[in-house]
Amino acid sequence: MVGKGGLSPKRKGDAFEAKVATEQRRIGRWCERIRQGQGELVDLVALESCSDARCSLHGRVNHVYFIQCRLLGNLSAVETEQLQEEARTYNAIPLLAWKQDGQIQYKRL
């Protein structure tokens, strides 16, 4: 369904995810979108080389970010808890990304 102003909510969400992924790459992180429609808690996975040697992936030292994208930043307490648990399982950092005043904002959960 297309709402007033053009894109459907799903397409707006998809476009926002793509913008967040592009920004993650711009700041030097490898980032890929997770296949949607399968009930995934995570929209994007980003990797960043780190120098503190507190995390690792495949023999390389990296920080792993699990990013949930929400245009308005609305994530329920249950969704937050589920994302945090998923991140703990993989030693990842859970982030919420949203748009405010035309800018992408991030919050570590």
C-alpha atoms as a PDB file:
ATOM      1  CA  MET A   1       0.000   0.000   0.000  1.00  0.00           C
ATOM      2  CA  VAL A   2       1.307   3.425  -0.935  1.00  0.00           C
ATOM      3  CA  GLY A   3       0.632   6.182   1.541  1.00  0.00           C
ATOM      4  CA  LYS A   4       0.331   9.879   0.924  1.00  0.00           C
ATOM      5  CA  GLY A   5       3.654  11.236  -0.219  1.00  0.00           C
ATOM      6  CA  GLY A   6       4.795   8.290  -2.308  1.00  0.00           C
ATOM      7  CA  LEU A   7       6.560   5.283  -0.855  1.00  0.00           C
ATOM      8  CA  SER A   8       4.909   2.568   1.196  1.00  0.00           C
ATOM      9  CA  PRO A   9       6.123   2.119   4.795  1.00  0.00           C
ATOM     10  CA  LYS A  10       8.049  -1.025   3.776  1.00  0.00           C
ATOM     11  CA  ARG A  11       9.821   0.789   0.930  1.00  0.00           C
ATOM     12  CA  LYS A  12      10.625   3.729   3.225  1.00  0.00           C
ATOM     13  CA  GLY A  13      12.111   1.256   5.702  1.00  0.00           C
ATOM     14  CA  ASP A  14      14.115  -0.462   2.968  1.00  0.00           C
ATOM     15  CA  ALA A  15      15.430   2.893   1.725  1.00  0.00           C
ATOM     16  CA  PHE A  16      16.429   3.866   5.271  1.00  0.00           C
ATOM     17  CA  GLU A  17      18.277   0.570   5.783  1.00  0.00           C
ATOM     18  CA  ALA A  18      20.192   1.210   2.561  1.00  0.00           C
ATOM     19  CA  LYS A  19      21.141   4.712   3.782  1.00  0.00           C
ATOM     20  CA  VAL A  20      22.355   3.351   7.124  1.00  0.00           C
ATOM     21  CA  ALA A  21      24.415   0.675   5.331  1.00  0.00           C
ATOM     22  CA  THR A  22      25.934   3.337   3.078  1.00  0.00           C
ATOM     23  CA  GLU A  23      26.843   5.476   6.098  1.00  0.00           C
ATOM     24  CA  GLN A  24      28.426   2.490   7.855  1.00  0.00           C
ATOM     25  CA  ARG A  25      30.612   1.871   4.794  1.00  0.00           C
ATOM     26  CA  ARG A  26      31.471   5.570   4.584  1.00  0.00           C
ATOM     27  CA  ILE A  27      32.856   5.518   8.123  1.00  0.00           C
ATOM     28  CA  GLY A  28      35.012   2.509   7.269  1.00  0.00           C
ATOM     29  CA  ARG A  29      32.928  -0.440   8.379  1.00  0.00           C
ATOM     30  CA  TRP A  30      32.110  -3.440   6.228  1.00  0.00           C
ATOM     31  CA  CYS A  31      28.313  -3.647   6.256  1.00  0.00           C
ATOM     32  CA  GLU A  32      25.701  -5.932   4.720  1.00  0.00           C
ATOM     33  CA  ARG A  33      21.937  -6.108   4.928  1.00  0.00           C
ATOM     34  CA  ILE A  34      20.357  -9.261   6.332  1.00  0.00           C
ATOM     35  CA  ARG A  35      17.734 -11.014   4.234  1.00  0.00           C
ATOM     36  CA  GLN A  36      14.385  -9.690   5.398  1.00  0.00           C
ATOM     37  CA  GLY A  37      11.037 -11.381   5.787  1.00  0.00           C
ATOM     38  CA  GLN A  38      12.392 -14.230   7.874  1.00  0.00           C
ATOM     39  CA  GLY A  39      11.673 -12.638  11.256  1.00  0.00           C
ATOM     40  CA  GLU A  40      15.259 -11.491  11.714  1.00  0.00           C
ATOM     41  CA  LEU A  41      16.047  -9.280  14.709  1.00  0.00           C
ATOM     42  CA  VAL A  42      18.947  -7.672  12.877  1.00  0.00           C
ATOM     43  CA  ASP A  43      18.660  -5.495   9.758  1.00  0.00           C
ATOM     44  CA  LEU A  44      22.386  -4.883   9.193  1.00  0.00           C
ATOM     45  CA  VAL A  45      25.635  -6.495  10.281  1.00  0.00           C
ATOM     46  CA  ALA A  46      28.688  -4.241  10.334  1.00  0.00           C
ATOM     47  CA  LEU A  47      32.332  -5.086  11.081  1.00  0.00           C
ATOM     48  CA  GLU A  48      34.975  -2.630  12.158  1.00  0.00           C
ATOM     49  CA  SER A  49      38.657  -3.368  12.647  1.00  0.00           C
ATOM     50  CA  CYS A  50      39.691  -2.552  16.178  1.00  0.00           C
ATOM     51  CA  SER A  51      42.918  -2.100  18.069  1.00  0.00           C
ATOM     52  CA  ASP A  52      41.824  -3.086  21.569  1.00  0.00           C
ATOM     53  CA  ALA A  53      41.937  -6.855  20.800  1.00  0.00           C
ATOM     54  CA  ARG A  54      38.813  -7.570  22.861  1.00  0.00           C
ATOM     55  CA  CYS A  55      36.916  -9.281  20.068  1.00  0.00           C
ATOM     56  CA  SER A  56      37.763 -11.444  17.094  1.00  0.00           C
ATOM     57  CA  LEU A  57      36.229 -12.983  14.018  1.00  0.00           C
ATOM     58  CA  HIS A  58      37.977 -15.542  11.809  1.00  0.00           C
ATOM     59  CA  GLY A  59      41.414 -14.755  13.221  1.00  0.00           C
ATOM     60  CA  ARG A  60      41.084 -11.012  12.619  1.00  0.00           C
ATOM     61  CA  VAL A  61      40.324  -8.508  15.317  1.00  0.00           C
ATOM     62  CA  ASN A  62      36.965  -6.856  14.675  1.00  0.00           C
ATOM     63  CA  HIS A  63      34.032  -5.238  16.417  1.00  0.00           C
ATOM     64  CA  VAL A  64      30.743  -6.736  15.253  1.00  0.00           C
ATOM     65  CA  TYR A  65      27.647  -4.525  15.201  1.00  0.00           C
ATOM     66  CA  PHE A  66      24.061  -5.783  14.945  1.00  0.00           C
ATOM     67  CA  ILE A  67      21.962  -2.852  13.747  1.00  0.00           C
ATOM     68  CA  GLN A  68      18.182  -2.565  13.907  1.00  0.00           C
ATOM     69  CA  CYS A  69      16.852   0.270  11.717  1.00  0.00           C
ATOM     70  CA  ARG A  70      13.681   2.113  12.671  1.00  0.00           C
ATOM     71  CA  LEU A  71      12.720   5.359  10.989  1.00  0.00           C
ATOM     72  CA  LEU A  72      11.185   6.762  14.179  1.00  0.00           C
ATOM     73  CA  GLY A  73      13.439   4.936  16.634  1.00  0.00           C
ATOM     74  CA  ASN A  74      10.575   2.991  18.157  1.00  0.00           C
ATOM     75  CA  LEU A  75      11.758  -0.372  19.482  1.00  0.00           C
ATOM     76  CA  SER A  76       9.701  -2.114  22.144  1.00  0.00           C
ATOM     77  CA  ALA A  77      11.218  -3.381  25.390  1.00  0.00           C
ATOM     78  CA  VAL A  78      10.729  -6.966  24.195  1.00  0.00           C
ATOM     79  CA  GLU A  79      12.423  -6.253  20.840  1.00  0.00           C
ATOM     80  CA  THR A  80      15.274  -4.487  22.636  1.00  0.00           C
ATOM     81  CA  GLU A  81      15.783  -7.466  24.943  1.00  0.00           C
ATOM     82  CA  GLN A  82      15.699  -9.911  22.021  1.00  0.00           C
ATOM     83  CA  LEU A  83      18.260  -7.887  20.065  1.00  0.00           C
ATOM     84  CA  GLN A  84      20.518  -7.631  23.115  1.00  0.00           C
ATOM     85  CA  GLU A  85      20.328 -11.398  23.663  1.00  0.00           C
ATOM     86  CA  GLU A  86      21.109 -12.111  20.002  1.00  0.00           C
ATOM     87  CA  ALA A  87      24.081  -9.736  20.191  1.00  0.00           C
ATOM     88  CA  ARG A  88      25.393 -11.429  23.365  1.00  0.00           C
ATOM     89  CA  THR A  89      25.247 -14.798  21.613  1.00  0.00           C
ATOM     90  CA  TYR A  90      27.701 -13.538  18.968  1.00  0.00           C
ATOM     91  CA  ASN A  91      29.663 -11.071  21.121  1.00  0.00           C
ATOM     92  CA  ALA A  92      28.255  -8.247  19.000  1.00  0.00           C
ATOM     93  CA  ILE A  93      27.312  -4.665  19.850  1.00  0.00           C
ATOM     94  CA  PRO A  94      23.566  -3.993  19.409  1.00  0.00           C
ATOM     95  CA  LEU A  95      22.684  -0.621  17.868  1.00  0.00           C
ATOM     96  CA  LEU A  96      19.422   1.093  17.071  1.00  0.00           C
ATOM     97  CA  ALA A  97      19.506   3.446  14.072  1.00  0.00           C
ATOM     98  CA  TRP A  98      16.810   6.036  13.430  1.00  0.00           C
ATOM     99  CA  LYS A  99      16.293   9.294  11.598  1.00  0.00           C
ATOM    100  CA  GLN A 100      15.989  12.611  13.412  1.00  0.00           C
ATOM    101  CA  ASP A 101      16.012  16.026  11.758  1.00  0.00           C
ATOM    102  CA  GLY A 102      17.204  14.419   8.519  1.00  0.00           C
ATOM    103  CA  GLN A 103      20.233  12.782  10.178  1.00  0.00           C
ATOM    104  CA  ILE A 104      20.896   9.154  11.082  1.00  0.00           C
ATOM    105  CA  GLN A 105      21.205   8.698  14.833  1.00  0.00           C
ATOM    106  CA  TYR A 106      22.568   5.668  16.720  1.00  0.00           C
ATOM    107  CA  LYS A 107      22.009   4.333  20.200  1.00  0.00           C
ATOM    108  CA  ARG A 108      23.897   1.440  21.742  1.00  0.00           C
ATOM    109  CA  LEU A 109      21.389  -0.868  23.385  1.00  0.00           C
END
